[in-house]
Amino acid sequence: MPKRALLFFVLACLAGCDPLSLTAAGVGGSAAVAHTLGGITYRTFTQPASSVRHASLAALQRMGIKVEKTEKAANGAEVLKATAIDRDIEITFEPLSASSTRMKVVARNGRIFFDSATATEIILQTERQLTGKA
């Protein structure tokens, strides 16, 4: 009988570790990419805005996403608008300083739904371009 009690105790302890392992797995791959509840994806790079923009254009080309237009926004930010199949993508490059840039990506699937997986991939591909791992 003590063996069964020990077995139940061990199983109970292991069940408590499951949320911990799931959290660790979720944090793993793209830890530096932040999401909001609205599906908007952010990343700050220690690179000038022109470098991040250039890397993003190369990433979009590699992904087969067509750039439609660019616009100037407030505070020296630049907004790039692109399209993919059933996706409207908006990328904002906001200079935080001469050597750091905040990149915001919004990928919409229709008017209401967001595609945070595509937005995250655009940021990750931009990072690969910046680090020369593309």
N, C-alpha and C. Protein backbone atom coordinates (compact mmCIF):
# COMPACT_ATOMS: atom_id res chain seq x y z
N MET A 1 0.80 -1.20 0.00
CA MET A 1 0.00 0.00 0.00
C MET A 1 0.85 1.27 0.00
N PRO A 2 1.97 1.34 0.68
CA PRO A 2 2.78 2.56 0.66
C PRO A 2 3.31 2.87 -0.75
N LYS A 3 3.50 1.83 -1.57
CA LYS A 3 3.97 2.09 -2.94
C LYS A 3 2.92 2.87 -3.74
N ARG A 4 1.66 2.52 -3.55
CA ARG A 4 0.60 3.25 -4.25
C ARG A 4 0.53 4.70 -3.80
N ALA A 5 0.66 4.92 -2.53
CA ALA A 5 0.63 6.29 -2.00
C ALA A 5 1.78 7.10 -2.58
N LEU A 6 2.96 6.48 -2.65
CA LEU A 6 4.11 7.16 -3.22
C LEU A 6 3.88 7.45 -4.71
N LEU A 7 3.30 6.51 -5.41
CA LEU A 7 3.01 6.70 -6.83
C LEU A 7 2.03 7.85 -7.04
N PHE A 8 0.96 7.90 -6.25
CA PHE A 8 0.00 9.00 -6.36
C PHE A 8 0.64 10.34 -6.03
N PHE A 9 1.51 10.35 -5.04
CA PHE A 9 2.21 11.58 -4.66
C PHE A 9 3.08 12.08 -5.81
N VAL A 10 3.85 11.17 -6.41
CA VAL A 10 4.73 11.54 -7.53
C VAL A 10 3.91 12.04 -8.71
N LEU A 11 2.82 11.34 -9.05
CA LEU A 11 1.97 11.77 -10.15
C LEU A 11 1.34 13.14 -9.90
N ALA A 12 0.94 13.38 -8.67
CA ALA A 12 0.36 14.67 -8.32
C ALA A 12 1.39 15.79 -8.48
N CYS A 13 2.62 15.51 -8.09
CA CYS A 13 3.69 16.51 -8.23
C CYS A 13 4.00 16.77 -9.70
N LEU A 14 4.02 15.73 -10.51
CA LEU A 14 4.31 15.89 -11.93
C LEU A 14 3.22 16.66 -12.66
N ALA A 15 1.98 16.47 -12.24
CA ALA A 15 0.88 17.19 -12.87
C ALA A 15 1.01 18.69 -12.65
N GLY A 16 1.58 19.08 -11.54
CA GLY A 16 1.80 20.50 -11.26
C GLY A 16 2.85 21.11 -12.15
N CYS A 17 3.72 20.32 -12.74
CA CYS A 17 4.79 20.84 -13.60
C CYS A 17 4.31 21.11 -15.02
N ASP A 18 3.18 20.56 -15.41
CA ASP A 18 2.72 20.72 -16.77
C ASP A 18 2.52 22.18 -17.18
N PRO A 19 1.84 23.02 -16.37
CA PRO A 19 1.72 24.41 -16.78
C PRO A 19 3.08 25.09 -16.93
N LEU A 20 4.03 24.69 -16.13
CA LEU A 20 5.37 25.26 -16.21
C LEU A 20 6.03 24.91 -17.54
N SER A 21 5.90 23.66 -17.97
CA SER A 21 6.52 23.25 -19.23
C SER A 21 5.82 23.90 -20.42
N LEU A 22 4.51 24.05 -20.34
CA LEU A 22 3.78 24.71 -21.43
C LEU A 22 4.19 26.18 -21.56
N THR A 23 4.37 26.84 -20.43
CA THR A 23 4.81 28.23 -20.46
C THR A 23 6.20 28.34 -21.06
N ALA A 24 7.09 27.47 -20.64
CA ALA A 24 8.46 27.50 -21.16
C ALA A 24 8.47 27.26 -22.67
N ALA A 25 7.65 26.35 -23.15
CA ALA A 25 7.60 26.07 -24.58
C ALA A 25 7.04 27.26 -25.35
N GLY A 26 6.06 27.93 -24.79
CA GLY A 26 5.47 29.08 -25.46
C GLY A 26 6.39 30.27 -25.53
N VAL A 27 7.24 30.42 -24.54
CA VAL A 27 8.17 31.55 -24.49
C VAL A 27 9.34 31.33 -25.43
N GLY A 28 9.67 30.11 -25.72
CA GLY A 28 10.87 29.74 -26.46
C GLY A 28 11.19 30.47 -27.73
N GLY A 29 10.52 30.18 -28.83
CA GLY A 29 10.93 30.61 -30.16
C GLY A 29 11.07 32.10 -30.39
N SER A 30 10.05 32.86 -30.14
CA SER A 30 10.11 34.28 -30.48
C SER A 30 9.91 35.12 -29.22
N ALA A 31 10.81 34.96 -28.27
CA ALA A 31 10.67 35.63 -26.98
C ALA A 31 10.74 37.14 -27.09
N ALA A 32 11.44 37.67 -28.07
CA ALA A 32 11.61 39.12 -28.16
C ALA A 32 10.46 39.81 -28.87
N VAL A 33 9.54 39.08 -29.44
CA VAL A 33 8.42 39.67 -30.16
C VAL A 33 7.24 39.80 -29.20
N ALA A 34 6.68 40.99 -29.10
CA ALA A 34 5.56 41.25 -28.19
C ALA A 34 4.26 41.35 -28.97
N HIS A 35 3.18 40.90 -28.35
CA HIS A 35 1.86 40.95 -28.97
C HIS A 35 0.93 41.74 -28.06
N THR A 36 -0.06 42.39 -28.66
CA THR A 36 -1.12 42.99 -27.89
C THR A 36 -2.35 42.12 -28.05
N LEU A 37 -3.37 42.41 -27.28
CA LEU A 37 -4.60 41.63 -27.39
C LEU A 37 -5.27 41.82 -28.75
N GLY A 38 -5.00 42.93 -29.41
CA GLY A 38 -5.61 43.20 -30.70
C GLY A 38 -4.90 42.57 -31.87
N GLY A 39 -3.86 41.78 -31.65
CA GLY A 39 -3.16 41.11 -32.74
C GLY A 39 -2.04 41.92 -33.35
N ILE A 40 -1.69 43.04 -32.73
CA ILE A 40 -0.60 43.87 -33.22
C ILE A 40 0.71 43.33 -32.65
N THR A 41 1.74 43.26 -33.49
CA THR A 41 3.02 42.69 -33.09
C THR A 41 4.09 43.78 -33.10
N TYR A 42 4.91 43.81 -32.05
CA TYR A 42 5.95 44.83 -31.90
C TYR A 42 7.32 44.20 -31.73
N ARG A 43 8.35 44.96 -32.10
CA ARG A 43 9.74 44.56 -31.83
C ARG A 43 10.58 45.81 -31.90
N THR A 44 11.48 46.00 -30.95
CA THR A 44 12.43 47.11 -30.99
C THR A 44 13.78 46.57 -31.40
N PHE A 45 14.39 47.22 -32.39
CA PHE A 45 15.71 46.83 -32.89
C PHE A 45 16.73 47.90 -32.52
N THR A 46 17.94 47.49 -32.22
CA THR A 46 19.03 48.43 -31.99
C THR A 46 19.71 48.68 -33.33
N GLN A 47 18.96 49.30 -34.20
CA GLN A 47 19.40 49.64 -35.56
C GLN A 47 18.67 50.93 -35.95
N PRO A 48 19.27 51.74 -36.81
CA PRO A 48 18.56 52.92 -37.31
C PRO A 48 17.32 52.52 -38.12
N ALA A 49 16.35 53.41 -38.18
CA ALA A 49 15.10 53.12 -38.89
C ALA A 49 15.34 52.76 -40.34
N SER A 50 16.30 53.41 -40.99
CA SER A 50 16.56 53.11 -42.40
C SER A 50 17.05 51.68 -42.59
N SER A 51 17.85 51.19 -41.66
CA SER A 51 18.34 49.80 -41.74
C SER A 51 17.21 48.80 -41.53
N VAL A 52 16.33 49.08 -40.56
CA VAL A 52 15.21 48.18 -40.28
C VAL A 52 14.24 48.18 -41.46
N ARG A 53 14.00 49.36 -42.03
CA ARG A 53 13.12 49.45 -43.21
C ARG A 53 13.70 48.65 -44.37
N HIS A 54 14.97 48.82 -44.64
CA HIS A 54 15.63 48.10 -45.74
C HIS A 54 15.54 46.58 -45.51
N ALA A 55 15.79 46.13 -44.30
CA ALA A 55 15.70 44.70 -43.98
C ALA A 55 14.27 44.19 -44.12
N SER A 56 13.31 45.00 -43.74
CA SER A 56 11.90 44.61 -43.86
C SER A 56 11.49 44.47 -45.32
N LEU A 57 11.95 45.39 -46.16
CA LEU A 57 11.65 45.29 -47.59
C LEU A 57 12.23 44.01 -48.18
N ALA A 58 13.44 43.66 -47.77
CA ALA A 58 14.05 42.41 -48.25
C ALA A 58 13.27 41.20 -47.73
N ALA A 59 12.83 41.27 -46.48
CA ALA A 59 12.04 40.16 -45.90
C ALA A 59 10.71 40.00 -46.62
N LEU A 60 10.04 41.12 -46.90
CA LEU A 60 8.76 41.05 -47.61
C LEU A 60 8.94 40.48 -49.01
N GLN A 61 9.99 40.88 -49.67
CA GLN A 61 10.27 40.35 -51.02
C GLN A 61 10.51 38.85 -50.94
N ARG A 62 11.28 38.43 -49.95
CA ARG A 62 11.56 37.00 -49.78
C ARG A 62 10.29 36.21 -49.50
N MET A 63 9.35 36.83 -48.79
CA MET A 63 8.09 36.17 -48.45
C MET A 63 7.05 36.27 -49.56
N GLY A 64 7.36 37.02 -50.61
CA GLY A 64 6.42 37.17 -51.71
C GLY A 64 5.27 38.12 -51.39
N ILE A 65 5.49 39.06 -50.50
CA ILE A 65 4.47 40.03 -50.11
C ILE A 65 4.74 41.33 -50.87
N LYS A 66 3.71 41.86 -51.51
CA LYS A 66 3.86 43.02 -52.38
C LYS A 66 3.66 44.32 -51.60
N VAL A 67 4.64 45.22 -51.71
CA VAL A 67 4.54 46.54 -51.08
C VAL A 67 3.70 47.44 -51.98
N GLU A 68 2.68 48.07 -51.41
CA GLU A 68 1.77 48.94 -52.18
C GLU A 68 2.20 50.39 -52.11
N LYS A 69 2.49 50.90 -50.90
CA LYS A 69 2.88 52.30 -50.75
C LYS A 69 3.50 52.55 -49.39
N THR A 70 4.14 53.70 -49.25
CA THR A 70 4.69 54.14 -47.97
C THR A 70 4.18 55.54 -47.69
N GLU A 71 4.04 55.87 -46.41
CA GLU A 71 3.55 57.17 -45.98
C GLU A 71 4.37 57.64 -44.80
N LYS A 72 4.46 58.94 -44.62
CA LYS A 72 5.08 59.52 -43.44
C LYS A 72 4.02 59.66 -42.36
N ALA A 73 4.41 59.41 -41.12
CA ALA A 73 3.50 59.53 -39.99
C ALA A 73 4.10 60.50 -38.98
N ALA A 74 3.46 60.63 -37.85
CA ALA A 74 3.92 61.54 -36.81
C ALA A 74 5.25 61.09 -36.21
N ASN A 75 5.98 62.01 -35.63
CA ASN A 75 7.25 61.76 -34.93
C ASN A 75 8.32 61.13 -35.82
N GLY A 76 8.28 61.40 -37.10
CA GLY A 76 9.29 60.86 -38.00
C GLY A 76 9.09 59.40 -38.37
N ALA A 77 7.97 58.83 -37.99
CA ALA A 77 7.69 57.42 -38.30
C ALA A 77 7.32 57.28 -39.77
N GLU A 78 7.52 56.08 -40.29
CA GLU A 78 7.16 55.77 -41.66
C GLU A 78 6.26 54.55 -41.64
N VAL A 79 5.21 54.58 -42.45
CA VAL A 79 4.26 53.47 -42.52
C VAL A 79 4.33 52.85 -43.91
N LEU A 80 4.54 51.56 -43.94
CA LEU A 80 4.63 50.80 -45.18
C LEU A 80 3.38 49.94 -45.28
N LYS A 81 2.70 49.99 -46.41
CA LYS A 81 1.48 49.19 -46.60
C LYS A 81 1.76 48.15 -47.68
N ALA A 82 1.38 46.91 -47.38
CA ALA A 82 1.64 45.79 -48.29
C ALA A 82 0.44 44.87 -48.32
N THR A 83 0.44 43.97 -49.32
CA THR A 83 -0.65 43.00 -49.43
C THR A 83 -0.09 41.62 -49.75
N ALA A 84 -0.79 40.64 -49.25
CA ALA A 84 -0.56 39.24 -49.58
C ALA A 84 -1.95 38.66 -49.88
N ILE A 85 -2.02 37.41 -50.19
CA ILE A 85 -3.32 36.80 -50.50
C ILE A 85 -4.22 36.91 -49.27
N ASP A 86 -5.34 37.61 -49.41
CA ASP A 86 -6.31 37.81 -48.33
C ASP A 86 -5.72 38.47 -47.09
N ARG A 87 -4.66 39.25 -47.24
CA ARG A 87 -4.05 39.92 -46.10
C ARG A 87 -3.71 41.37 -46.46
N ASP A 88 -4.01 42.28 -45.56
CA ASP A 88 -3.55 43.66 -45.65
C ASP A 88 -2.56 43.85 -44.51
N ILE A 89 -1.37 44.32 -44.84
CA ILE A 89 -0.28 44.41 -43.87
C ILE A 89 0.15 45.86 -43.76
N GLU A 90 0.32 46.30 -42.52
CA GLU A 90 0.79 47.66 -42.26
C GLU A 90 1.98 47.57 -41.31
N ILE A 91 3.10 48.13 -41.73
CA ILE A 91 4.33 48.10 -40.93
C ILE A 91 4.72 49.54 -40.63
N THR A 92 4.91 49.83 -39.35
CA THR A 92 5.32 51.17 -38.93
C THR A 92 6.74 51.09 -38.37
N PHE A 93 7.60 51.98 -38.85
CA PHE A 93 8.96 52.10 -38.36
C PHE A 93 9.05 53.41 -37.59
N GLU A 94 9.18 53.31 -36.28
CA GLU A 94 9.21 54.49 -35.42
C GLU A 94 10.60 54.65 -34.82
N PRO A 95 11.35 55.68 -35.23
CA PRO A 95 12.68 55.88 -34.66
C PRO A 95 12.55 56.29 -33.19
N LEU A 96 13.21 55.56 -32.32
CA LEU A 96 13.24 55.90 -30.90
C LEU A 96 14.45 56.76 -30.57
N SER A 97 15.51 56.54 -31.32
CA SER A 97 16.74 57.33 -31.23
C SER A 97 17.46 57.15 -32.56
N ALA A 98 18.66 57.68 -32.66
CA ALA A 98 19.42 57.52 -33.90
C ALA A 98 19.80 56.06 -34.15
N SER A 99 19.83 55.26 -33.09
CA SER A 99 20.27 53.87 -33.26
C SER A 99 19.27 52.83 -32.75
N SER A 100 18.02 53.21 -32.57
CA SER A 100 17.02 52.21 -32.20
C SER A 100 15.68 52.54 -32.86
N THR A 101 14.98 51.48 -33.24
CA THR A 101 13.73 51.60 -33.99
C THR A 101 12.71 50.62 -33.46
N ARG A 102 11.51 51.10 -33.28
CA ARG A 102 10.40 50.23 -32.91
C ARG A 102 9.62 49.91 -34.18
N MET A 103 9.45 48.62 -34.41
CA MET A 103 8.72 48.15 -35.60
C MET A 103 7.39 47.57 -35.13
N LYS A 104 6.32 48.03 -35.74
CA LYS A 104 4.98 47.53 -35.42
C LYS A 104 4.38 46.94 -36.68
N VAL A 105 3.88 45.72 -36.59
CA VAL A 105 3.29 45.05 -37.75
C VAL A 105 1.86 44.65 -37.42
N VAL A 106 0.96 45.03 -38.32
CA VAL A 106 -0.44 44.63 -38.21
C VAL A 106 -0.79 43.90 -39.50
N ALA A 107 -1.19 42.65 -39.39
CA ALA A 107 -1.63 41.87 -40.55
C ALA A 107 -3.11 41.55 -40.34
N ARG A 108 -3.92 42.02 -41.25
CA ARG A 108 -5.36 41.81 -41.15
C ARG A 108 -5.81 40.79 -42.19
N ASN A 109 -6.69 39.92 -41.74
CA ASN A 109 -7.34 38.94 -42.61
C ASN A 109 -8.80 39.37 -42.68
N GLY A 110 -9.12 40.20 -43.64
CA GLY A 110 -10.44 40.82 -43.68
C GLY A 110 -10.41 42.09 -42.85
N ARG A 111 -11.56 42.61 -42.51
CA ARG A 111 -11.62 43.87 -41.76
C ARG A 111 -11.49 43.67 -40.26
N ILE A 112 -11.92 42.54 -39.75
CA ILE A 112 -12.01 42.34 -38.30
C ILE A 112 -10.88 41.47 -37.76
N PHE A 113 -10.49 40.44 -38.46
CA PHE A 113 -9.58 39.45 -37.92
C PHE A 113 -8.12 39.81 -38.16
N PHE A 114 -7.30 39.50 -37.18
CA PHE A 114 -5.87 39.75 -37.25
C PHE A 114 -5.11 38.44 -37.45
N ASP A 115 -3.99 38.52 -38.10
CA ASP A 115 -3.13 37.36 -38.34
C ASP A 115 -1.79 37.61 -37.67
N SER A 116 -1.72 37.33 -36.37
CA SER A 116 -0.49 37.61 -35.63
C SER A 116 0.65 36.68 -36.04
N ALA A 117 0.34 35.51 -36.59
CA ALA A 117 1.40 34.60 -37.04
C ALA A 117 2.16 35.21 -38.22
N THR A 118 1.45 35.81 -39.16
CA THR A 118 2.10 36.46 -40.29
C THR A 118 2.88 37.68 -39.83
N ALA A 119 2.30 38.46 -38.93
CA ALA A 119 2.99 39.64 -38.40
C ALA A 119 4.28 39.23 -37.69
N THR A 120 4.23 38.18 -36.90
CA THR A 120 5.42 37.70 -36.20
C THR A 120 6.47 37.22 -37.19
N GLU A 121 6.05 36.52 -38.22
CA GLU A 121 7.02 36.02 -39.21
C GLU A 121 7.70 37.17 -39.95
N ILE A 122 6.97 38.23 -40.24
CA ILE A 122 7.58 39.39 -40.89
C ILE A 122 8.67 39.98 -40.00
N ILE A 123 8.40 40.08 -38.71
CA ILE A 123 9.40 40.61 -37.78
C ILE A 123 10.59 39.67 -37.68
N LEU A 124 10.34 38.37 -37.59
CA LEU A 124 11.45 37.41 -37.48
C LEU A 124 12.30 37.40 -38.75
N GLN A 125 11.66 37.51 -39.91
CA GLN A 125 12.42 37.55 -41.17
C GLN A 125 13.22 38.85 -41.28
N THR A 126 12.66 39.95 -40.77
CA THR A 126 13.39 41.21 -40.74
C THR A 126 14.63 41.08 -39.86
N GLU A 127 14.46 40.45 -38.72
CA GLU A 127 15.60 40.22 -37.82
C GLU A 127 16.67 39.37 -38.50
N ARG A 128 16.25 38.35 -39.22
CA ARG A 128 17.21 37.51 -39.94
C ARG A 128 17.98 38.31 -40.98
N GLN A 129 17.30 39.22 -41.65
CA GLN A 129 17.96 40.08 -42.63
C GLN A 129 19.00 40.98 -41.95
N LEU A 130 18.63 41.52 -40.79
CA LEU A 130 19.53 42.41 -40.07
C LEU A 130 20.76 41.70 -39.53
N THR A 131 20.60 40.43 -39.16
CA THR A 131 21.73 39.68 -38.60
C THR A 131 22.51 38.91 -39.66
N GLY A 132 22.03 38.97 -40.90
CA GLY A 132 22.72 38.27 -41.98
C GLY A 132 22.49 36.78 -42.01
N LYS A 133 21.43 36.29 -41.35
CA LYS A 133 21.12 34.86 -41.30
C LYS A 133 20.04 34.47 -42.30
N ALA A 134 19.73 35.34 -43.23
CA ALA A 134 18.64 35.07 -44.17
C ALA A 134 19.01 34.04 -45.21
